Amino acid sequence: MNRVYNFSAGPAILPEEVLKQAADEMLNYKNSGMSVMEMSHRSKEYEAIINGAEATLREIMEIPDNYKVLFLQGGASLQFAMIPMNLMKNKCADYINTGMWSKKAISEAKKFGTVNVIATSDDKNFTYIPDVDELSYNANADYVYFTHNNTIFGTKFTKIPKTNGIPLVSDLSSSILSEKINVSDYGVIFAGAQKNIGPAGVTVVIIREDLITDETLAGTPTMLKFKTHSDEGSMFNTPPTYGIYIAGLVFEWIKKNGGLEAMEKVNKEKAALLYDYLDSSEMFSGTANTADRSLMNVPFVSTSEDLDAKFIKEAKAAGFVNLKGHRSVGGMRASIYNAMPVQGVQALVDFMKEFEKNNK
């Protein structure tokens, strides 16, 4: 069968080139006589895979030498606990609430200390990003936390908070590798792999070395200490070997295709195609505040719930899948990560135009 256009928010579309290479290497990786899934994580072959993945990620993101790159497990959700366990020395942190994932992070952090919600957009169902220039930080806050891109509500931070030296922590799960960022602006960056990096099961953590210490909260399990994994090069226990291998192939694909500057250019082109149509349509409209629109996740609605359901059904039949919106927003959502080609977004827009014409 032909491949569909997969607009899933995650696990998401992967580059076909990467999938084909993985298929070619499935049974016999580089004449090792075995699959990556079968080899020891302590072998020289696998050591080259994980070290290569880290080196390429460092190159494309321009990660400074005083930052560690960790390949962990547990998804971004485990970081909601690991961050306060490792960083809450004063048992106090500032959080910005811009959606479901920041709400979950706030709820988890409250188990370990005082959480100050210094800004929120819940008054308008998270359709906008609060003004970061108006923020006031608590003097004893151990860190400031925000979610860079909000997968469900389709918003993103177009500028980041200036925290006056307080470590900035950010969940970049749905925006990492989609545009250039200055890693030095952050104390910790983390991201679940299943959107722009690779398959579900890997979590990438990029953390400044001075934030990796033995001074964790009392009772922090060994597996939940950043130092445990930093000291062992992400090899304290068996890592998600195949997921890291695929991630490494994705990093190489990004490098081969011009790096993050090229990714950002194409992503802006794709987003403009879809947003321009939504802004001109009489049937469909975007739900996020125009100034805060995500490049990666585009939620939109039609003029009725019945029409939404009809659109989703007909779109699936036409090869456009996973367009149903999250229940918090309703309607539809098109996730257009790095691996979604421009022609996929153009094909969706063409289908939407035809649907609108046929359902007036």
Protein backbone atom coordinates (compact mmCIF):
# COMPACT_ATOMS: atom_id res chain seq x y z
CA MET A 1 0.00 0.00 0.00
CA ASN A 2 1.03 3.61 -0.43
CA ARG A 3 2.14 5.47 2.67
CA VAL A 4 -0.38 7.88 4.14
CA TYR A 5 0.25 11.44 5.23
CA ASN A 6 0.54 10.98 8.99
CA PHE A 7 -0.33 14.13 10.97
CA SER A 8 -0.11 12.44 14.37
CA ALA A 9 1.11 14.53 17.32
CA GLY A 10 3.22 11.59 18.44
CA PRO A 11 4.42 8.97 17.93
CA ALA A 12 4.84 10.83 14.71
CA ILE A 13 6.05 10.63 11.15
CA LEU A 14 9.70 9.70 10.59
CA PRO A 15 11.82 10.48 7.51
CA GLU A 16 11.35 7.79 4.87
CA GLU A 17 15.07 7.83 4.18
CA VAL A 18 15.74 6.90 7.82
CA LEU A 19 13.15 4.11 7.79
CA LYS A 20 14.61 2.66 4.60
CA GLN A 21 18.14 2.69 6.01
CA ALA A 22 16.94 1.04 9.21
CA ALA A 23 15.16 -1.60 7.13
CA ASP A 24 18.30 -2.28 5.13
CA GLU A 25 20.31 -2.67 8.32
CA MET A 26 17.68 -4.59 10.27
CA LEU A 27 19.18 -8.08 9.97
CA ASN A 28 22.85 -7.23 9.62
CA TYR A 29 24.10 -3.90 10.95
CA LYS A 30 27.38 -2.95 9.27
CA ASN A 31 28.44 -6.58 8.81
CA SER A 32 28.04 -7.34 12.52
CA GLY A 33 25.82 -10.30 11.63
CA MET A 34 23.04 -9.06 13.87
CA SER A 35 20.43 -6.36 14.31
CA VAL A 36 21.03 -3.35 16.53
CA MET A 37 18.15 -4.69 18.63
CA GLU A 38 20.17 -7.83 19.34
CA MET A 39 23.61 -6.45 20.12
CA SER A 40 25.05 -5.80 23.55
CA HIS A 41 24.92 -2.20 24.67
CA ARG A 42 28.46 -2.76 25.94
CA SER A 43 29.79 -3.80 22.54
CA LYS A 44 32.11 -1.67 20.45
CA GLU A 45 29.50 -1.57 17.69
CA TYR A 46 26.89 -0.08 19.98
CA GLU A 47 29.35 2.25 21.66
CA ALA A 48 29.97 3.77 18.22
CA ILE A 49 26.20 4.16 17.67
CA ILE A 50 25.44 6.02 20.91
CA ASN A 51 28.59 8.15 20.76
CA GLY A 52 27.87 9.00 17.13
CA ALA A 53 24.30 10.01 17.96
CA GLU A 54 25.49 12.33 20.72
CA ALA A 55 28.22 13.84 18.55
CA THR A 56 25.82 14.62 15.70
CA LEU A 57 23.22 16.09 18.06
CA ARG A 58 25.89 18.28 19.61
CA GLU A 59 26.93 19.44 16.16
CA ILE A 60 23.49 20.31 14.79
CA MET A 61 22.31 21.99 18.01
CA GLU A 62 25.71 23.62 18.68
CA ILE A 63 25.67 22.30 22.24
CA PRO A 64 28.47 23.85 24.34
CA ASP A 65 31.09 21.64 25.95
CA ASN A 66 29.84 22.43 29.46
CA TYR A 67 26.56 20.64 28.78
CA LYS A 68 25.93 16.91 29.10
CA VAL A 69 23.70 15.01 26.68
CA LEU A 70 21.80 12.15 28.30
CA PHE A 71 19.70 9.48 26.61
CA LEU A 72 17.15 8.41 29.23
CA GLN A 73 13.85 6.56 29.49
CA GLY A 74 10.47 7.29 31.06
CA GLY A 75 9.36 9.90 28.55
CA ALA A 76 9.20 13.62 29.18
CA SER A 77 6.69 12.86 31.95
CA LEU A 78 9.40 11.33 34.14
CA GLN A 79 11.29 14.61 33.89
CA PHE A 80 8.38 16.31 35.64
CA ALA A 81 9.68 14.53 38.78
CA MET A 82 13.40 14.28 38.00
CA ILE A 83 13.73 18.05 37.53
CA PRO A 84 12.56 18.99 41.05
CA MET A 85 14.25 15.97 42.63
CA ASN A 86 17.59 17.12 41.24
CA LEU A 87 17.27 20.90 41.15
CA MET A 88 14.98 21.95 44.05
CA LYS A 89 17.71 22.78 46.58
CA ASN A 90 15.59 25.57 48.13
CA LYS A 91 12.42 23.54 47.51
CA CYS A 92 11.01 26.40 45.45
CA ALA A 93 10.53 26.89 41.70
CA ASP A 94 8.69 29.21 39.30
CA TYR A 95 6.47 27.69 36.61
CA ILE A 96 4.65 29.14 33.59
CA ASN A 97 1.39 27.33 32.88
CA THR A 98 0.50 27.20 29.18
CA GLY A 99 -1.30 23.89 28.79
CA MET A 100 -1.83 20.30 29.81
CA TRP A 101 1.84 19.31 29.94
CA SER A 102 2.90 22.26 32.07
CA LYS A 103 -0.10 21.56 34.34
CA LYS A 104 1.13 17.99 34.79
CA ALA A 105 4.67 19.25 35.49
CA ILE A 106 3.32 21.70 38.08
CA SER A 107 1.27 18.99 39.78
CA GLU A 108 4.31 16.72 40.03
CA ALA A 109 6.67 19.45 41.26
CA LYS A 110 4.26 20.35 44.09
CA LYS A 111 5.10 16.98 45.66
CA PHE A 112 8.65 18.20 46.28
CA GLY A 113 8.41 21.88 47.16
CA THR A 114 6.71 25.21 46.65
CA VAL A 115 5.59 25.90 43.08
CA ASN A 116 4.93 29.50 42.13
CA VAL A 117 2.81 29.80 38.99
CA ILE A 118 4.14 33.15 37.79
CA ALA A 119 2.03 33.27 34.62
CA THR A 120 -0.80 31.30 33.06
CA SER A 121 -3.01 31.34 29.98
CA ASP A 122 -5.74 29.11 31.38
CA ASP A 123 -8.19 32.02 31.38
CA LYS A 124 -8.58 31.58 27.61
CA ASN A 125 -8.14 27.80 27.39
CA PHE A 126 -4.42 28.16 26.72
CA THR A 127 -4.88 29.78 23.31
CA TYR A 128 -2.07 32.29 23.91
CA ILE A 129 1.36 32.69 25.52
CA PRO A 130 1.70 35.08 28.48
CA ASP A 131 3.98 38.11 28.05
CA VAL A 132 7.37 36.97 29.34
CA ASP A 133 8.58 40.57 29.63
CA GLU A 134 6.08 41.12 32.45
CA LEU A 135 7.23 38.22 34.64
CA SER A 136 8.51 38.57 38.20
CA TYR A 137 10.68 35.79 39.60
CA ASN A 138 11.03 34.60 43.17
CA ALA A 139 14.47 35.35 44.56
CA ASN A 140 14.88 31.89 46.07
CA ALA A 141 13.53 29.98 43.06
CA ASP A 142 15.80 27.10 42.11
CA TYR A 143 14.69 27.26 38.48
CA VAL A 144 12.10 28.70 36.08
CA TYR A 145 10.13 26.15 34.05
CA PHE A 146 8.14 26.46 30.82
CA THR A 147 6.90 24.30 27.96
CA HIS A 148 8.40 25.69 24.76
CA ASN A 149 5.71 24.40 22.38
CA ASN A 150 2.25 23.28 23.41
CA THR A 151 1.31 20.25 21.36
CA ILE A 152 -2.37 20.21 22.26
CA PHE A 153 -3.18 23.92 22.04
CA GLY A 154 -0.88 24.82 19.15
CA THR A 155 1.05 27.66 20.80
CA LYS A 156 4.77 28.33 21.18
CA PHE A 157 7.05 30.79 22.92
CA THR A 158 8.48 33.17 20.32
CA LYS A 159 10.91 34.52 22.92
CA ILE A 160 12.08 32.96 26.13
CA PRO A 161 12.01 34.33 29.68
CA LYS A 162 15.02 36.34 30.87
CA THR A 163 15.48 34.92 34.34
CA ASN A 164 18.28 37.04 35.79
CA GLY A 165 20.57 34.07 36.30
CA ILE A 166 17.99 31.58 37.60
CA PRO A 167 18.38 28.32 35.63
CA LEU A 168 15.81 28.05 32.85
CA VAL A 169 14.27 24.59 32.38
CA SER A 170 12.18 23.78 29.31
CA ASP A 171 10.20 20.91 27.85
CA LEU A 172 11.00 20.99 24.13
CA SER A 173 9.37 17.66 23.29
CA SER A 174 7.36 18.93 20.33
CA SER A 175 9.71 21.66 19.08
CA ILE A 176 13.25 20.37 19.50
CA LEU A 177 15.20 20.33 16.21
CA SER A 178 12.50 22.33 14.42
CA GLU A 179 14.39 25.62 14.66
CA LYS A 180 17.66 27.03 15.92
CA ILE A 181 17.88 27.81 19.63
CA ASN A 182 20.71 29.03 21.84
CA VAL A 183 21.34 26.14 24.21
CA SER A 184 23.33 28.43 26.51
CA ASP A 185 20.11 30.26 27.39
CA TYR A 186 18.92 27.14 29.23
CA GLY A 187 19.98 25.18 32.28
CA VAL A 188 18.07 22.08 31.22
CA ILE A 189 16.35 21.09 27.99
CA PHE A 190 14.47 17.82 27.73
CA ALA A 191 12.40 16.18 25.02
CA GLY A 192 10.55 12.96 24.42
CA ALA A 193 11.81 11.46 21.18
CA GLN A 194 8.52 10.54 19.53
CA LYS A 195 7.89 13.78 17.66
CA ASN A 196 11.03 15.16 15.99
CA ILE A 197 13.76 12.75 17.15
CA GLY A 198 12.73 9.15 16.70
CA PRO A 199 10.49 6.42 18.09
CA ALA A 200 8.88 6.53 21.53
CA GLY A 201 11.05 5.23 24.36
CA VAL A 202 13.96 7.69 24.36
CA THR A 203 14.13 10.97 26.27
CA VAL A 204 16.92 13.40 25.48
CA VAL A 205 18.14 15.61 28.33
CA ILE A 206 20.63 18.41 27.71
CA ILE A 207 21.84 19.75 31.04
CA ARG A 208 24.48 22.25 32.13
CA GLU A 209 27.21 20.49 34.09
CA ASP A 210 27.01 22.70 37.18
CA LEU A 211 23.42 21.52 37.70
CA ILE A 212 24.53 17.89 37.95
CA THR A 213 25.40 17.26 41.59
CA ASP A 214 25.00 14.74 44.41
CA GLU A 215 22.82 17.27 46.23
CA THR A 216 19.45 15.83 45.28
CA LEU A 217 16.35 15.75 47.45
CA ALA A 218 16.45 13.16 50.21
CA GLY A 219 15.18 9.80 49.03
CA THR A 220 15.82 10.41 45.34
CA PRO A 221 16.30 6.95 43.77
CA THR A 222 19.63 6.23 42.10
CA MET A 223 17.95 5.89 38.70
CA LEU A 224 16.38 9.35 39.03
CA LYS A 225 19.65 11.21 39.64
CA PHE A 226 21.10 13.04 36.64
CA LYS A 227 24.57 12.38 38.02
CA THR A 228 24.00 8.63 37.85
CA HIS A 229 23.48 8.79 34.10
CA SER A 230 26.01 11.54 33.45
CA ASP A 231 28.79 9.61 35.19
CA GLU A 232 28.00 6.48 33.18
CA GLY A 233 27.52 8.08 29.76
CA SER A 234 23.82 7.11 29.66
CA MET A 235 24.90 3.50 30.25
CA PHE A 236 24.07 3.01 33.94
CA ASN A 237 21.54 0.42 32.85
CA THR A 238 20.57 -0.92 29.44
CA PRO A 239 19.52 2.11 27.40
CA PRO A 240 16.77 2.08 24.76
CA THR A 241 19.31 0.92 22.20
CA TYR A 242 17.23 0.74 19.04
CA GLY A 243 15.51 4.07 19.72
CA ILE A 244 18.89 5.76 20.14
CA TYR A 245 20.08 4.17 16.90
CA ILE A 246 17.08 5.60 15.02
CA ALA A 247 17.59 8.97 16.71
CA GLY A 248 21.17 8.97 15.46
CA LEU A 249 19.95 8.34 11.91
CA VAL A 250 17.48 11.23 12.25
CA PHE A 251 20.25 13.54 13.48
CA GLU A 252 22.34 12.57 10.45
CA TRP A 253 19.34 13.18 8.17
CA ILE A 254 18.94 16.68 9.60
CA LYS A 255 22.64 17.37 9.14
CA LYS A 256 22.56 16.08 5.56
CA ASN A 257 19.58 18.29 4.74
CA GLY A 258 21.11 21.55 5.90
CA GLY A 259 20.84 21.44 9.67
CA LEU A 260 18.45 23.35 11.90
CA GLU A 261 18.57 26.50 9.80
CA ALA A 262 17.19 24.56 6.83
CA MET A 263 14.65 22.73 9.03
CA GLU A 264 13.37 26.05 10.38
CA LYS A 265 13.02 27.52 6.89
CA VAL A 266 10.98 24.57 5.62
CA ASN A 267 8.89 24.43 8.79
CA LYS A 268 7.96 28.09 8.42
CA GLU A 269 7.00 27.43 4.81
CA LYS A 270 4.77 24.50 5.79
CA ALA A 271 3.12 26.40 8.63
CA ALA A 272 2.47 29.41 6.39
CA LEU A 273 0.75 27.19 3.81
CA LEU A 274 -1.70 25.89 6.36
CA TYR A 275 -2.23 29.06 8.39
CA ASP A 276 -2.73 31.20 5.28
CA TYR A 277 -5.49 28.90 4.13
CA LEU A 278 -7.12 28.81 7.58
CA ASP A 279 -7.09 32.62 7.70
CA SER A 280 -8.82 32.85 4.31
CA SER A 281 -11.30 30.01 4.77
CA GLU A 282 -14.96 30.56 5.52
CA MET A 283 -15.32 27.05 6.96
CA PHE A 284 -12.11 26.36 8.87
CA SER A 285 -10.33 28.51 11.44
CA GLY A 286 -7.32 28.14 13.68
CA THR A 287 -7.81 28.12 17.45
CA ALA A 288 -4.49 29.57 18.67
CA ASN A 289 -3.74 33.27 19.03
CA THR A 290 -2.13 34.39 15.77
CA ALA A 291 1.01 35.83 17.37
CA ASP A 292 1.67 32.64 19.34
CA ARG A 293 1.05 29.98 16.71
CA SER A 294 3.12 26.83 16.75
CA LEU A 295 5.20 25.77 13.77
CA MET A 296 4.67 22.12 14.66
CA ASN A 297 1.06 21.66 15.81
CA VAL A 298 -1.88 23.36 14.11
CA PRO A 299 -5.29 22.91 15.80
CA PHE A 300 -8.31 24.07 13.83
CA VAL A 301 -12.09 23.71 13.75
CA SER A 302 -14.87 23.89 11.17
CA THR A 303 -18.24 25.53 11.67
CA SER A 304 -19.79 22.55 13.50
CA GLU A 305 -18.87 19.36 15.32
CA ASP A 306 -20.77 17.30 12.75
CA LEU A 307 -18.73 18.85 9.98
CA ASP A 308 -15.54 18.18 11.96
CA ALA A 309 -16.44 14.50 12.17
CA LYS A 310 -17.27 14.32 8.48
CA PHE A 311 -13.99 16.00 7.56
CA ILE A 312 -11.91 13.63 9.71
CA LYS A 313 -13.64 10.59 8.19
CA GLU A 314 -13.25 11.73 4.59
CA ALA A 315 -9.69 12.89 5.17
CA LYS A 316 -8.72 9.45 6.49
CA ALA A 317 -10.26 7.79 3.45
CA ALA A 318 -8.18 10.11 1.27
CA GLY A 319 -4.93 9.21 3.06
CA PHE A 320 -4.67 12.02 5.64
CA VAL A 321 -4.61 10.31 9.03
CA ASN A 322 -4.49 11.23 12.72
CA LEU A 323 -6.14 14.62 12.22
CA LYS A 324 -8.60 14.38 15.10
CA GLY A 325 -7.99 17.15 17.62
CA HIS A 326 -7.38 16.65 21.31
CA ARG A 327 -10.55 16.61 23.43
CA SER A 328 -9.41 19.81 25.20
CA VAL A 329 -9.70 21.74 21.94
CA GLY A 330 -11.91 19.60 19.72
CA GLY A 331 -11.93 19.82 15.95
CA MET A 332 -8.78 18.85 14.14
CA ARG A 333 -5.03 19.08 14.61
CA ALA A 334 -2.31 18.75 11.99
CA SER A 335 1.13 18.07 13.40
CA ILE A 336 3.70 19.01 10.78
CA TYR A 337 7.02 17.93 12.24
CA ASN A 338 10.35 17.96 10.40
CA ALA A 339 9.65 14.71 8.56
CA MET A 340 6.35 15.94 7.09
CA PRO A 341 7.20 17.10 3.54
CA VAL A 342 5.93 20.37 2.11
CA GLN A 343 3.91 18.40 -0.44
CA GLY A 344 2.06 16.67 2.41
CA VAL A 345 0.90 19.99 3.82
CA GLN A 346 0.03 21.26 0.35
CA ALA A 347 -1.97 18.09 -0.32
CA LEU A 348 -3.87 18.60 2.94
CA VAL A 349 -4.66 22.22 2.06
CA ASP A 350 -5.87 21.15 -1.38
CA PHE A 351 -8.11 18.52 0.22
CA MET A 352 -9.49 21.09 2.68
CA LYS A 353 -10.29 23.49 -0.15
CA GLU A 354 -12.15 20.77 -2.01
CA PHE A 355 -14.00 19.72 1.14
CA GLU A 356 -15.04 23.31 1.81
CA LYS A 357 -16.28 23.71 -1.76
CA ASN A 358 -18.34 20.51 -1.55
CA ASN A 359 -19.87 21.23 1.86
CA LYS A 360 -21.09 24.81 1.60
